[in-house]
Amino acid sequence: MANIVAKKEGESIITVSTPNGRVSASVLVKVSGGEFKTNLSG
């Protein structure tokens, strides 16, 4: 599980990849503040 904490309002791109780097994905996250918890599973 990953905890992502927003310091201020805005947008961020989170990129995750497999341990060998052969597969990756990016997700645009729009935040207004607070804490976002995810297991980053598809």
Protein backbone atom coordinates (compact mmCIF):
# COMPACT_ATOMS: atom_id res chain seq x y z
CA MET A 1 0.00 0.00 0.00
CA ALA A 2 1.17 3.54 -0.71
CA ASN A 3 0.26 6.66 1.25
CA ILE A 4 0.33 9.85 -0.79
CA VAL A 5 -0.01 13.11 1.12
CA ALA A 6 -1.03 16.30 -0.68
CA LYS A 7 0.86 19.39 0.49
CA LYS A 8 -1.31 21.74 -1.56
CA GLU A 9 -3.94 21.72 -4.30
CA GLY A 10 -2.79 20.70 -7.76
CA GLU A 11 -2.11 17.84 -10.15
CA SER A 12 0.52 15.13 -10.13
CA ILE A 13 1.41 12.17 -12.30
CA ILE A 14 2.19 8.91 -10.49
CA THR A 15 4.17 6.37 -12.48
CA VAL A 16 4.50 2.76 -11.35
CA SER A 17 6.41 -0.09 -12.95
CA THR A 18 7.12 -3.76 -12.48
CA PRO A 19 10.39 -4.66 -10.72
CA ASN A 20 12.06 -5.53 -14.04
CA GLY A 21 10.86 -2.27 -15.66
CA ARG A 22 9.20 -3.99 -18.62
CA VAL A 23 5.67 -2.74 -17.82
CA SER A 24 4.70 0.68 -16.49
CA ALA A 25 1.65 2.90 -16.17
CA SER A 26 1.04 6.54 -15.31
CA VAL A 27 -2.00 7.99 -13.56
CA LEU A 28 -2.96 11.68 -13.33
CA VAL A 29 -4.08 12.58 -9.80
CA LYS A 30 -5.90 15.83 -9.00
CA VAL A 31 -5.84 16.75 -5.32
CA SER A 32 -7.29 19.43 -3.09
CA GLY A 33 -5.49 18.32 0.10
CA GLY A 34 -5.44 15.48 2.57
CA GLU A 35 -4.19 11.92 2.35
CA PHE A 36 -4.80 9.36 -0.42
CA LYS A 37 -4.25 5.65 0.29
CA THR A 38 -3.96 3.10 -2.49
CA ASN A 39 -2.55 -0.34 -3.16
CA LEU A 40 -1.73 0.84 -6.73
CA SER A 41 -3.29 -2.28 -8.25
CA GLY A 42 -5.01 -2.23 -11.60
